[in-house]
Each structure stands twice: as C-alpha cells, then as structure tokens.
PDB file of N, CA and C in Angstrom:
ATOM      1  N   UNK A   1     -11.782 -13.224   0.992  1.00  0.00           N
ATOM      2  CA  UNK A   1     -11.300 -12.203   1.358  1.00  0.00           C
ATOM      3  C   UNK A   1     -10.221 -11.338   0.888  1.00  0.00           C
ATOM      4  N   UNK A   2     -10.472 -10.130   0.492  1.00  0.00           N
ATOM      5  CA  UNK A   2      -9.454  -9.203  -0.267  1.00  0.00           C
ATOM      6  C   UNK A   2      -8.102  -9.726   0.895  1.00  0.00           C
ATOM      7  N   UNK A   3      -6.853  -9.251   0.180  1.00  0.00           N
ATOM      8  CA  UNK A   3      -5.708  -9.206   0.895  1.00  0.00           C
ATOM      9  C   UNK A   3      -4.616  -8.162   0.374  1.00  0.00           C
ATOM     10  N   UNK A   4      -3.668  -7.852   1.488  1.00  0.00           N
ATOM     11  CA  UNK A   4      -2.549  -6.989   0.815  1.00  0.00           C
ATOM     12  C   UNK A   4      -1.421  -7.377   1.614  1.00  0.00           C
ATOM     13  N   UNK A   5      -0.534  -7.543   0.618  1.00  0.00           N
ATOM     14  CA  UNK A   5       0.645  -8.231   0.802  1.00  0.00           C
ATOM     15  C   UNK A   5       2.185  -7.337   0.202  1.00  0.00           C
ATOM     16  N   UNK A   6       2.952  -7.789   0.614  1.00  0.00           N
ATOM     17  CA  UNK A   6       4.345  -7.158  -0.251  1.00  0.00           C
ATOM     18  C   UNK A   6       4.580  -5.628   0.087  1.00  0.00           C
ATOM     19  N   UNK A   7       3.752  -5.315   1.145  1.00  0.00           N
ATOM     20  CA  UNK A   7       3.630  -3.743   1.645  1.00  0.00           C
ATOM     21  C   UNK A   7       5.111  -2.827   1.820  1.00  0.00           C
ATOM     22  N   UNK A   8       5.411  -1.759   0.688  1.00  0.00           N
ATOM     23  CA  UNK A   8       6.502  -0.901   1.254  1.00  0.00           C
ATOM     24  C   UNK A   8       6.436   0.520   0.754  1.00  0.00           C
ATOM     25  N   UNK A   9       6.820   1.187   1.304  1.00  0.00           N
ATOM     26  CA  UNK A   9       6.474   3.143   0.720  1.00  0.00           C
ATOM     27  C   UNK A   9       6.774   2.785  -0.744  1.00  0.00           C
ATOM     28  N   UNK A  10       6.191   3.930  -1.064  1.00  0.00           N
ATOM     29  CA  UNK A  10       6.256   4.406  -2.642  1.00  0.00           C
ATOM     30  C   UNK A  10       7.449   4.703  -3.059  1.00  0.00           C
ATOM     31  N   UNK A  11       8.576   5.109  -2.075  1.00  0.00           N
ATOM     32  CA  UNK A  11       9.716   5.511  -2.458  1.00  0.00           C
ATOM     33  C   UNK A  11      10.671   3.975  -2.916  1.00  0.00           C
ATOM     34  N   UNK A  12      10.180   3.402  -1.541  1.00  0.00           N
ATOM     35  CA  UNK A  12      11.020   1.920  -1.655  1.00  0.00           C
ATOM     36  C   UNK A  12      10.972   1.237  -3.170  1.00  0.00           C
ATOM     37  N   UNK A  13       9.519   1.276  -2.875  1.00  0.00           N
ATOM     38  CA  UNK A  13       9.052   0.340  -4.468  1.00  0.00           C
ATOM     39  C   UNK A  13       9.527   0.744  -5.394  1.00  0.00           C
ATOM     40  N   UNK A  14       9.391   2.151  -5.913  1.00  0.00           N
ATOM     41  CA  UNK A  14       9.761   2.679  -7.222  1.00  0.00           C
ATOM     42  C   UNK A  14      11.559   2.877  -7.375  1.00  0.00           C
ATOM     43  N   UNK A  15      12.101   2.521  -6.096  1.00  0.00           N
ATOM     44  CA  UNK A  15      13.849   2.459  -6.059  1.00  0.00           C
ATOM     45  C   UNK A  15      13.524   1.020  -6.406  1.00  0.00           C
ATOM     46  N   UNK A  16      13.254  -0.139  -5.775  1.00  0.00           N
ATOM     47  CA  UNK A  16      13.784  -1.162  -6.296  1.00  0.00           C
ATOM     48  C   UNK A  16      13.321  -1.765  -7.640  1.00  0.00           C
ATOM     49  N   UNK A  17      12.081  -1.198  -8.414  1.00  0.00           N
ATOM     50  CA  UNK A  17      11.859  -1.496  -9.666  1.00  0.00           C
ATOM     51  C   UNK A  17      12.236  -0.740 -10.781  1.00  0.00           C
ATOM     52  N   UNK A  18      12.758   0.417 -10.051  1.00  0.00           N
ATOM     53  CA  UNK A  18      13.826   1.056 -11.238  1.00  0.00           C
ATOM     54  C   UNK A  18      12.756   2.260 -12.282  1.00  0.00           C
ATOM     55  N   UNK A  19      11.474   2.389 -11.151  1.00  0.00           N
ATOM     56  CA  UNK A  19      10.713   3.391 -11.654  1.00  0.00           C
ATOM     57  C   UNK A  19      11.073   5.073 -11.345  1.00  0.00           C
ATOM     58  N   UNK A  20      10.882   5.449 -12.522  1.00  0.00           N
ATOM     59  CA  UNK A  20      11.401   7.017 -12.320  1.00  0.00           C
ATOM     60  C   UNK A  20      10.760   7.770 -12.141  1.00  0.00           C
ATOM     61  N   UNK A  21       9.083   7.250 -12.454  1.00  0.00           N
ATOM     62  CA  UNK A  21       8.047   8.604 -12.713  1.00  0.00           C
ATOM     63  C   UNK A  21       6.524   7.567 -12.646  1.00  0.00           C
ATOM     64  N   UNK A  22       5.534   8.271 -11.440  1.00  0.00           N
ATOM     65  CA  UNK A  22       4.469   7.566 -11.587  1.00  0.00           C
ATOM     66  C   UNK A  22       3.273   9.027 -12.224  1.00  0.00           C
ATOM     67  N   UNK A  23       2.527   8.526 -13.011  1.00  0.00           N
ATOM     68  CA  UNK A  23       0.966   9.254 -12.995  1.00  0.00           C
ATOM     69  C   UNK A  23      -0.078   8.841 -12.832  1.00  0.00           C
ATOM     70  N   UNK A  24      -1.053   9.523 -12.097  1.00  0.00           N
ATOM     71  CA  UNK A  24      -2.759   9.043 -12.025  1.00  0.00           C
ATOM     72  C   UNK A  24      -3.365   9.844 -13.085  1.00  0.00           C
ATOM     73  N   UNK A  25      -3.816   8.668 -13.869  1.00  0.00           N
ATOM     74  CA  UNK A  25      -4.720   9.139 -14.808  1.00  0.00           C
ATOM     75  C   UNK A  25      -5.911   8.974 -14.403  1.00  0.00           C
ATOM     76  N   UNK A  26      -6.735   9.016 -15.514  1.00  0.00           N
ATOM     77  CA  UNK A  26      -8.224   8.867 -15.239  1.00  0.00           C
ATOM     78  C   UNK A  26      -8.891   8.238 -16.403  1.00  0.00           C
ATOM     79  N   UNK A  27      -9.630   7.205 -16.318  1.00  0.00           N
ATOM     80  CA  UNK A  27     -10.636   6.415 -17.205  1.00  0.00           C
ATOM     81  C   UNK A  27     -11.146   7.497 -17.801  1.00  0.00           C
ATOM     82  N   UNK A  28     -11.531   7.609 -19.373  1.00  0.00           N
ATOM     83  CA  UNK A  28     -12.470   8.451 -19.350  1.00  0.00           C
ATOM     84  C   UNK A  28     -14.265   8.024 -19.752  1.00  0.00           C
ATOM     85  N   UNK A  29     -14.136   6.764 -19.718  1.00  0.00           N
ATOM     86  CA  UNK A  29     -15.450   6.031 -19.793  1.00  0.00           C
ATOM     87  C   UNK A  29     -15.859   5.849 -18.339  1.00  0.00           C
ATOM     88  N   UNK A  30     -14.589   5.621 -17.584  1.00  0.00           N
ATOM     89  CA  UNK A  30     -15.313   5.146 -16.184  1.00  0.00           C
ATOM     90  C   UNK A  30     -15.091   5.990 -14.874  1.00  0.00           C
ATOM     91  N   UNK A  31     -14.560   7.087 -15.233  1.00  0.00           N
ATOM     92  CA  UNK A  31     -13.876   8.088 -14.412  1.00  0.00           C
ATOM     93  C   UNK A  31     -13.249   7.630 -13.263  1.00  0.00           C
ATOM     94  N   UNK A  32     -12.609   6.462 -13.463  1.00  0.00           N
ATOM     95  CA  UNK A  32     -11.975   5.828 -12.278  1.00  0.00           C
ATOM     96  C   UNK A  32     -10.533   6.199 -12.663  1.00  0.00           C
ATOM     97  N   UNK A  33      -9.936   6.320 -11.107  1.00  0.00           N
ATOM     98  CA  UNK A  33      -8.358   6.686 -10.960  1.00  0.00           C
ATOM     99  C   UNK A  33      -7.703   5.509 -11.765  1.00  0.00           C
ATOM    100  N   UNK A  34      -6.280   5.395 -12.114  1.00  0.00           N
ATOM    101  CA  UNK A  34      -5.372   4.344 -12.075  1.00  0.00           C
ATOM    102  C   UNK A  34      -3.811   5.220 -11.985  1.00  0.00           C
ATOM    103  N   UNK A  35      -2.904   4.247 -11.980  1.00  0.00           N
ATOM    104  CA  UNK A  35      -1.529   4.983 -12.212  1.00  0.00           C
ATOM    105  C   UNK A  35      -0.551   4.442 -13.144  1.00  0.00           C
ATOM    106  N   UNK A  36      -0.134   4.860 -13.670  1.00  0.00           N
ATOM    107  CA  UNK A  36       1.153   4.141 -15.001  1.00  0.00           C
ATOM    108  C   UNK A  36       2.356   4.761 -14.328  1.00  0.00           C
ATOM    109  N   UNK A  37       3.433   3.834 -14.515  1.00  0.00           N
ATOM    110  CA  UNK A  37       4.988   4.616 -14.360  1.00  0.00           C
ATOM    111  C   UNK A  37       5.621   4.540 -15.940  1.00  0.00           C
ATOM    112  N   UNK A  38       6.431   5.241 -15.801  1.00  0.00           N
ATOM    113  CA  UNK A  38       7.749   5.240 -16.854  1.00  0.00           C
ATOM    114  C   UNK A  38       7.836   3.956 -17.853  1.00  0.00           C
ATOM    115  N   UNK A  39       7.524   2.652 -17.334  1.00  0.00           N
ATOM    116  CA  UNK A  39       7.983   1.607 -17.791  1.00  0.00           C
ATOM    117  C   UNK A  39       6.805   0.973 -18.343  1.00  0.00           C
ATOM    118  N   UNK A  40       5.603   1.401 -18.148  1.00  0.00           N
ATOM    119  CA  UNK A  40       4.274   0.838 -18.788  1.00  0.00           C
ATOM    120  C   UNK A  40       3.718  -0.028 -18.053  1.00  0.00           C
ATOM    121  N   UNK A  41       3.656  -0.042 -16.782  1.00  0.00           N
ATOM    122  CA  UNK A  41       3.154  -0.815 -15.817  1.00  0.00           C
ATOM    123  C   UNK A  41       2.028  -0.347 -15.228  1.00  0.00           C
ATOM    124  N   UNK A  42       0.429  -0.414 -15.160  1.00  0.00           N
ATOM    125  CA  UNK A  42      -0.373   0.492 -14.162  1.00  0.00           C
ATOM    126  C   UNK A  42      -0.591  -0.291 -12.942  1.00  0.00           C
ATOM    127  N   UNK A  43      -1.203   0.492 -12.068  1.00  0.00           N
ATOM    128  CA  UNK A  43      -1.321   0.438 -10.586  1.00  0.00           C
ATOM    129  C   UNK A  43      -2.975   0.752 -10.590  1.00  0.00           C
ATOM    130  N   UNK A  44      -3.633   0.046  -9.469  1.00  0.00           N
ATOM    131  CA  UNK A  44      -4.620   0.332  -8.925  1.00  0.00           C
ATOM    132  C   UNK A  44      -4.404   1.665  -8.122  1.00  0.00           C
ATOM    133  N   UNK A  45      -5.166   2.734  -7.645  1.00  0.00           N
ATOM    134  CA  UNK A  45      -5.197   3.468  -6.829  1.00  0.00           C
ATOM    135  C   UNK A  45      -6.363   3.456  -5.657  1.00  0.00           C
ATOM    136  N   UNK A  46      -6.425   3.443  -4.672  1.00  0.00           N
ATOM    137  CA  UNK A  46      -6.976   3.523  -3.466  1.00  0.00           C
ATOM    138  C   UNK A  46      -8.136   4.573  -3.798  1.00  0.00           C
ATOM    139  N   UNK A  47      -9.390   4.515  -3.518  1.00  0.00           N
ATOM    140  CA  UNK A  47     -10.580   5.268  -3.942  1.00  0.00           C
ATOM    141  C   UNK A  47     -10.226   6.800  -3.314  1.00  0.00           C
ATOM    142  N   UNK A  48      -9.374   7.046  -1.746  1.00  0.00           N
ATOM    143  CA  UNK A  48      -9.208   8.392  -1.429  1.00  0.00           C
ATOM    144  C   UNK A  48      -7.855   9.045  -1.737  1.00  0.00           C
ATOM    145  N   UNK A  49      -7.233   8.317  -3.006  1.00  0.00           N
ATOM    146  CA  UNK A  49      -6.031   9.201  -3.369  1.00  0.00           C
ATOM    147  C   UNK A  49      -6.444  10.129  -4.462  1.00  0.00           C
ATOM    148  N   UNK A  50      -6.086  11.170  -4.666  1.00  0.00           N
ATOM    149  CA  UNK A  50      -6.206  12.152  -5.325  1.00  0.00           C
ATOM    150  C   UNK A  50      -4.848  12.653  -5.871  1.00  0.00           C
ATOM    151  N   UNK A  51      -4.027  12.264  -4.914  1.00  0.00           N
ATOM    152  CA  UNK A  51      -2.656  12.824  -5.547  1.00  0.00           C
ATOM    153  C   UNK A  51      -1.348  11.997  -5.271  1.00  0.00           C
ATOM    154  N   UNK A  52      -0.585  11.879  -5.811  1.00  0.00           N
ATOM    155  CA  UNK A  52       0.563  10.969  -4.881  1.00  0.00           C
ATOM    156  C   UNK A  52       1.513  11.560  -4.016  1.00  0.00           C
ATOM    157  N   UNK A  53       2.373  11.419  -3.282  1.00  0.00           N
ATOM    158  CA  UNK A  53       2.926  11.768  -2.184  1.00  0.00           C
ATOM    159  C   UNK A  53       4.125  10.941  -1.490  1.00  0.00           C
ATOM    160  N   UNK A  54       4.804  11.217  -0.993  1.00  0.00           N
ATOM    161  CA  UNK A  54       5.982  10.092  -0.236  1.00  0.00           C
ATOM    162  C   UNK A  54       5.200   9.438   0.866  1.00  0.00           C
ATOM    163  N   UNK A  55       4.061   9.668   1.469  1.00  0.00           N
ATOM    164  CA  UNK A  55       3.511   9.153   2.397  1.00  0.00           C
ATOM    165  C   UNK A  55       2.696   7.976   2.038  1.00  0.00           C
ATOM    166  N   UNK A  56       2.574   7.752   0.886  1.00  0.00           N
ATOM    167  CA  UNK A  56       1.719   6.522   0.303  1.00  0.00           C
ATOM    168  C   UNK A  56       2.585   5.119   0.471  1.00  0.00           C
ATOM    169  N   UNK A  57       2.089   3.848   0.353  1.00  0.00           N
ATOM    170  CA  UNK A  57       2.535   2.804   0.375  1.00  0.00           C
ATOM    171  C   UNK A  57       2.228   1.884  -1.074  1.00  0.00           C
ATOM    172  N   UNK A  58       2.623   0.942  -1.163  1.00  0.00           N
ATOM    173  CA  UNK A  58       2.086   0.231  -2.391  1.00  0.00           C
ATOM    174  C   UNK A  58       2.098  -1.298  -2.068  1.00  0.00           C
ATOM    175  N   UNK A  59       1.077  -1.828  -2.142  1.00  0.00           N
ATOM    176  CA  UNK A  59       1.476  -3.444  -2.134  1.00  0.00           C
ATOM    177  C   UNK A  59       0.554  -4.386  -3.199  1.00  0.00           C
ATOM    178  N   UNK A  60       0.841  -5.535  -3.093  1.00  0.00           N
ATOM    179  CA  UNK A  60       0.301  -6.549  -4.223  1.00  0.00           C
ATOM    180  C   UNK A  60      -0.953  -6.986  -3.174  1.00  0.00           C
ATOM    181  N   UNK A  61      -2.534  -6.273  -4.093  1.00  0.00           N
ATOM    182  CA  UNK A  61      -3.591  -6.392  -4.024  1.00  0.00           C
ATOM    183  C   UNK A  61      -4.214  -7.644  -4.485  1.00  0.00           C
ATOM    184  N   UNK A  62      -4.834  -8.485  -3.475  1.00  0.00           N
ATOM    185  CA  UNK A  62      -5.616  -9.538  -4.457  1.00  0.00           C
ATOM    186  C   UNK A  62      -7.220  -9.802  -3.765  1.00  0.00           C
ATOM    187  N   UNK A  63      -8.231  -9.310  -4.976  1.00  0.00           N
ATOM    188  CA  UNK A  63      -9.566  -9.090  -4.635  1.00  0.00           C
ATOM    189  C   UNK A  63      -9.950 -10.171  -4.413  1.00  0.00           C
ATOM    190  N   UNK A  64     -11.202 -10.468  -3.771  1.00  0.00           N
ATOM    191  CA  UNK A  64     -12.035 -11.537  -3.507  1.00  0.00           C
ATOM    192  C   UNK A  64     -12.273 -12.196  -5.167  1.00  0.00           C
ATOM    193  N   UNK A  65     -12.847 -10.997  -5.922  1.00  0.00           N
ATOM    194  CA  UNK A  65     -13.055 -11.673  -7.164  1.00  0.00           C
ATOM    195  C   UNK A  65     -12.223 -10.552  -8.200  1.00  0.00           C
ATOM    196  N   UNK A  66     -11.510 -11.231  -9.604  1.00  0.00           N
ATOM    197  CA  UNK A  66     -11.041 -10.405 -10.393  1.00  0.00           C
ATOM    198  C   UNK A  66      -9.370 -10.668  -9.825  1.00  0.00           C
ATOM    199  N   UNK A  67      -8.597  -9.938 -10.757  1.00  0.00           N
ATOM    200  CA  UNK A  67      -7.288 -10.298 -10.692  1.00  0.00           C
ATOM    201  C   UNK A  67      -6.233  -9.463  -9.793  1.00  0.00           C
ATOM    202  N   UNK A  68      -5.432  -9.946  -9.294  1.00  0.00           N
ATOM    203  CA  UNK A  68      -4.568  -9.625  -8.745  1.00  0.00           C
ATOM    204  C   UNK A  68      -3.504  -8.677  -9.303  1.00  0.00           C
ATOM    205  N   UNK A  69      -3.220  -6.969  -8.514  1.00  0.00           N
ATOM    206  CA  UNK A  69      -2.174  -6.503  -9.083  1.00  0.00           C
ATOM    207  C   UNK A  69      -1.822  -5.518  -7.896  1.00  0.00           C
ATOM    208  N   UNK A  70      -0.701  -4.534  -8.476  1.00  0.00           N
ATOM    209  CA  UNK A  70      -0.398  -3.772  -7.014  1.00  0.00           C
ATOM    210  C   UNK A  70      -1.180  -2.272  -6.972  1.00  0.00           C
ATOM    211  N   UNK A  71      -1.394  -2.099  -5.854  1.00  0.00           N
ATOM    212  CA  UNK A  71      -2.310  -0.821  -5.902  1.00  0.00           C
ATOM    213  C   UNK A  71      -1.161   0.090  -4.594  1.00  0.00           C
ATOM    214  N   UNK A  72      -1.601   1.068  -4.977  1.00  0.00           N
ATOM    215  CA  UNK A  72      -1.215   2.416  -4.343  1.00  0.00           C
ATOM    216  C   UNK A  72      -2.118   2.802  -3.300  1.00  0.00           C
ATOM    217  N   UNK A  73      -1.697   3.200  -1.923  1.00  0.00           N
ATOM    218  CA  UNK A  73      -2.927   3.419  -0.621  1.00  0.00           C
ATOM    219  C   UNK A  73      -2.321   4.266   0.161  1.00  0.00           C
ATOM    220  N   UNK A  74      -2.747   4.810   0.905  1.00  0.00           N
ATOM    221  CA  UNK A  74      -2.352   5.414   2.632  1.00  0.00           C
ATOM    222  C   UNK A  74      -1.641   4.231   3.132  1.00  0.00           C
ATOM    223  N   UNK A  75      -0.494   4.596   3.591  1.00  0.00           N
ATOM    224  CA  UNK A  75      -0.173   3.548   4.665  1.00  0.00           C
ATOM    225  C   UNK A  75      -0.798   2.947   6.093  1.00  0.00           C
ATOM    226  N   UNK A  76      -0.966   1.924   6.239  1.00  0.00           N
ATOM    227  CA  UNK A  76      -1.879   1.367   7.445  1.00  0.00           C
ATOM    228  C   UNK A  76      -3.544   1.544   7.089  1.00  0.00           C
ATOM    229  N   UNK A  77      -3.758   1.924   5.844  1.00  0.00           N
ATOM    230  CA  UNK A  77      -5.240   2.189   5.718  1.00  0.00           C
ATOM    231  C   UNK A  77      -5.963   0.876   6.336  1.00  0.00           C
ATOM    232  N   UNK A  78      -6.894   0.891   7.274  1.00  0.00           N
ATOM    233  CA  UNK A  78      -7.891   0.464   7.434  1.00  0.00           C
ATOM    234  C   UNK A  78      -7.632   0.018   8.733  1.00  0.00           C
ATOM    235  N   UNK A  79      -6.400   0.054   9.451  1.00  0.00           N
ATOM    236  CA  UNK A  79      -6.095  -0.432  10.690  1.00  0.00           C
ATOM    237  C   UNK A  79      -6.244   0.611  11.596  1.00  0.00           C
ATOM    238  N   UNK A  80      -6.968   0.330  12.682  1.00  0.00           N
ATOM    239  CA  UNK A  80      -7.170   1.190  13.802  1.00  0.00           C
ATOM    240  C   UNK A  80      -7.095   0.640  15.436  1.00  0.00           C
ATOM    241  N   UNK A  81      -6.159   1.582  15.902  1.00  0.00           N
ATOM    242  CA  UNK A  81      -5.641   0.817  17.282  1.00  0.00           C
ATOM    243  C   UNK A  81      -6.629   0.742  18.230  1.00  0.00           C
ATOM    244  N   UNK A  82      -7.394  -0.052  19.052  1.00  0.00           N
ATOM    245  CA  UNK A  82      -8.542  -0.271  19.932  1.00  0.00           C
ATOM    246  C   UNK A  82      -7.422   0.152  21.141  1.00  0.00           C
ATOM    247  N   UNK A  83      -6.746  -0.572  21.414  1.00  0.00           N
ATOM    248  CA  UNK A  83      -6.316  -0.309  22.849  1.00  0.00           C
ATOM    249  C   UNK A  83      -4.571  -0.942  22.479  1.00  0.00           C
ATOM    250  N   UNK A  84      -3.613  -0.810  23.785  1.00  0.00           N
ATOM    251  CA  UNK A  84      -2.627  -0.886  23.861  1.00  0.00           C
ATOM    252  C   UNK A  84      -1.858  -1.063  24.708  1.00  0.00           C
ATOM    253  N   UNK A  85      -0.855  -1.686  25.146  1.00  0.00           N
ATOM    254  CA  UNK A  85       0.052  -2.113  26.496  1.00  0.00           C
ATOM    255  C   UNK A  85       1.608  -1.544  26.280  1.00  0.00           C
ATOM    256  N   UNK A  86       2.080  -0.941  27.184  1.00  0.00           N
ATOM    257  CA  UNK A  86       3.823  -1.333  26.842  1.00  0.00           C
ATOM    258  C   UNK A  86       4.559  -2.056  27.583  1.00  0.00           C
ATOM    259  N   UNK A  87       5.346  -2.985  27.547  1.00  0.00           N
ATOM    260  CA  UNK A  87       6.028  -3.511  27.916  1.00  0.00           C
ATOM    261  C   UNK A  87       7.713  -3.246  28.285  1.00  0.00           C
ATOM    262  N   UNK A  88       8.056  -1.979  28.272  1.00  0.00           N
ATOM    263  CA  UNK A  88       9.098  -1.389  28.076  1.00  0.00           C
ATOM    264  C   UNK A  88      10.196  -1.854  29.023  1.00  0.00           C
ATOM    265  N   UNK A  89       9.898  -2.196  30.237  1.00  0.00           N
ATOM    266  CA  UNK A  89      10.225  -2.769  31.193  1.00  0.00           C
ATOM    267  C   UNK A  89      10.758  -4.318  31.464  1.00  0.00           C
ATOM    268  N   UNK A  90       9.915  -4.992  30.634  1.00  0.00           N
ATOM    269  CA  UNK A  90       9.684  -6.505  30.801  1.00  0.00           C
ATOM    270  C   UNK A  90      10.864  -7.153  30.557  1.00  0.00           C
ATOM    271  N   UNK A  91      11.600  -8.151  31.725  1.00  0.00           N
ATOM    272  CA  UNK A  91      12.757  -8.946  31.705  1.00  0.00           C
ATOM    273  C   UNK A  91      12.737  -9.867  30.446  1.00  0.00           C
ATOM    274  N   UNK A  92      14.025 -10.042  29.717  1.00  0.00           N
ATOM    275  CA  UNK A  92      14.231 -10.287  28.242  1.00  0.00           C
ATOM    276  C   UNK A  92      14.178 -11.992  28.274  1.00  0.00           C
ATOM    277  N   UNK A  93      14.234 -12.593  29.520  1.00  0.00           N
ATOM    278  CA  UNK A  93      13.334 -14.109  29.718  1.00  0.00           C
ATOM    279  C   UNK A  93      12.428 -14.006  30.675  1.00  0.00           C
ATOM    280  N   UNK A  94      11.683 -15.564  30.206  1.00  0.00           N
ATOM    281  CA  UNK A  94      10.644 -15.653  31.389  1.00  0.00           C
ATOM    282  C   UNK A  94      10.903 -16.627  32.401  1.00  0.00           C
ATOM    283  N   UNK A  95      10.647 -16.330  33.398  1.00  0.00           N
ATOM    284  CA  UNK A  95      10.864 -17.147  34.550  1.00  0.00           C
ATOM    285  C   UNK A  95       9.902 -18.019  35.133  1.00  0.00           C
ATOM    286  N   UNK A  96      10.041 -19.237  35.588  1.00  0.00           N
ATOM    287  CA  UNK A  96       8.453 -19.746  36.061  1.00  0.00           C
ATOM    288  C   UNK A  96       8.302 -19.531  37.429  1.00  0.00           C
ATOM    289  N   UNK A  97       6.977 -19.088  37.830  1.00  0.00           N
ATOM    290  CA  UNK A  97       6.664 -19.106  38.990  1.00  0.00           C
ATOM    291  C   UNK A  97       6.673 -20.054  40.239  1.00  0.00           C
TER     292      UNK A  97
END
C-alpha cells in the first residue's frame, strides 16, 4: 500500500527547506507534470494539480512499487468524513458507573 507521511503545508515545507521558488514543468516525452525548486530538487505532482497555490500540501510519498519522494498534493486528499460526533461537553476524566 502507498503511504503519505511528513505532511505539511507547501508554505511550511518551503520555509523549512529554504526554498524560494517552485515551478511545475511538463516532461516533453511523457507529458507528465513534476515540480522543481530553486535548489534543484524534484517533486511528484498529484494528477489533479495544474497550478501551485498556498492551499496545497507536501508529503513524503512511498509508493507500493518504485522510489519514495516528496509529492505536492491537495491537503486532505482522499479522505472523506462519513460520520462524526461531538463531545464538547464531555468531562475531562472518566468515572466508573
């Protein structure tokens, strides 16, 4: 199974890594998109990303097959809330009944 870890906002990632510029490039042979930063590092780009913005996230992506690398993607991609429940007024400690 592919995994995402070390996820953070694209801005936080850039600041932590000392990145001042990111560009999306298109491979002329495969037409696949990828990103490159001003330091020469390359990044995978999720298929639905066409332009960079502050709402994106960066994660360490480990595919089932192939090499792990950083990926730029939409924050929370793939997660869907099915149900939720709020416990705003719950006591801080549990008591035995």
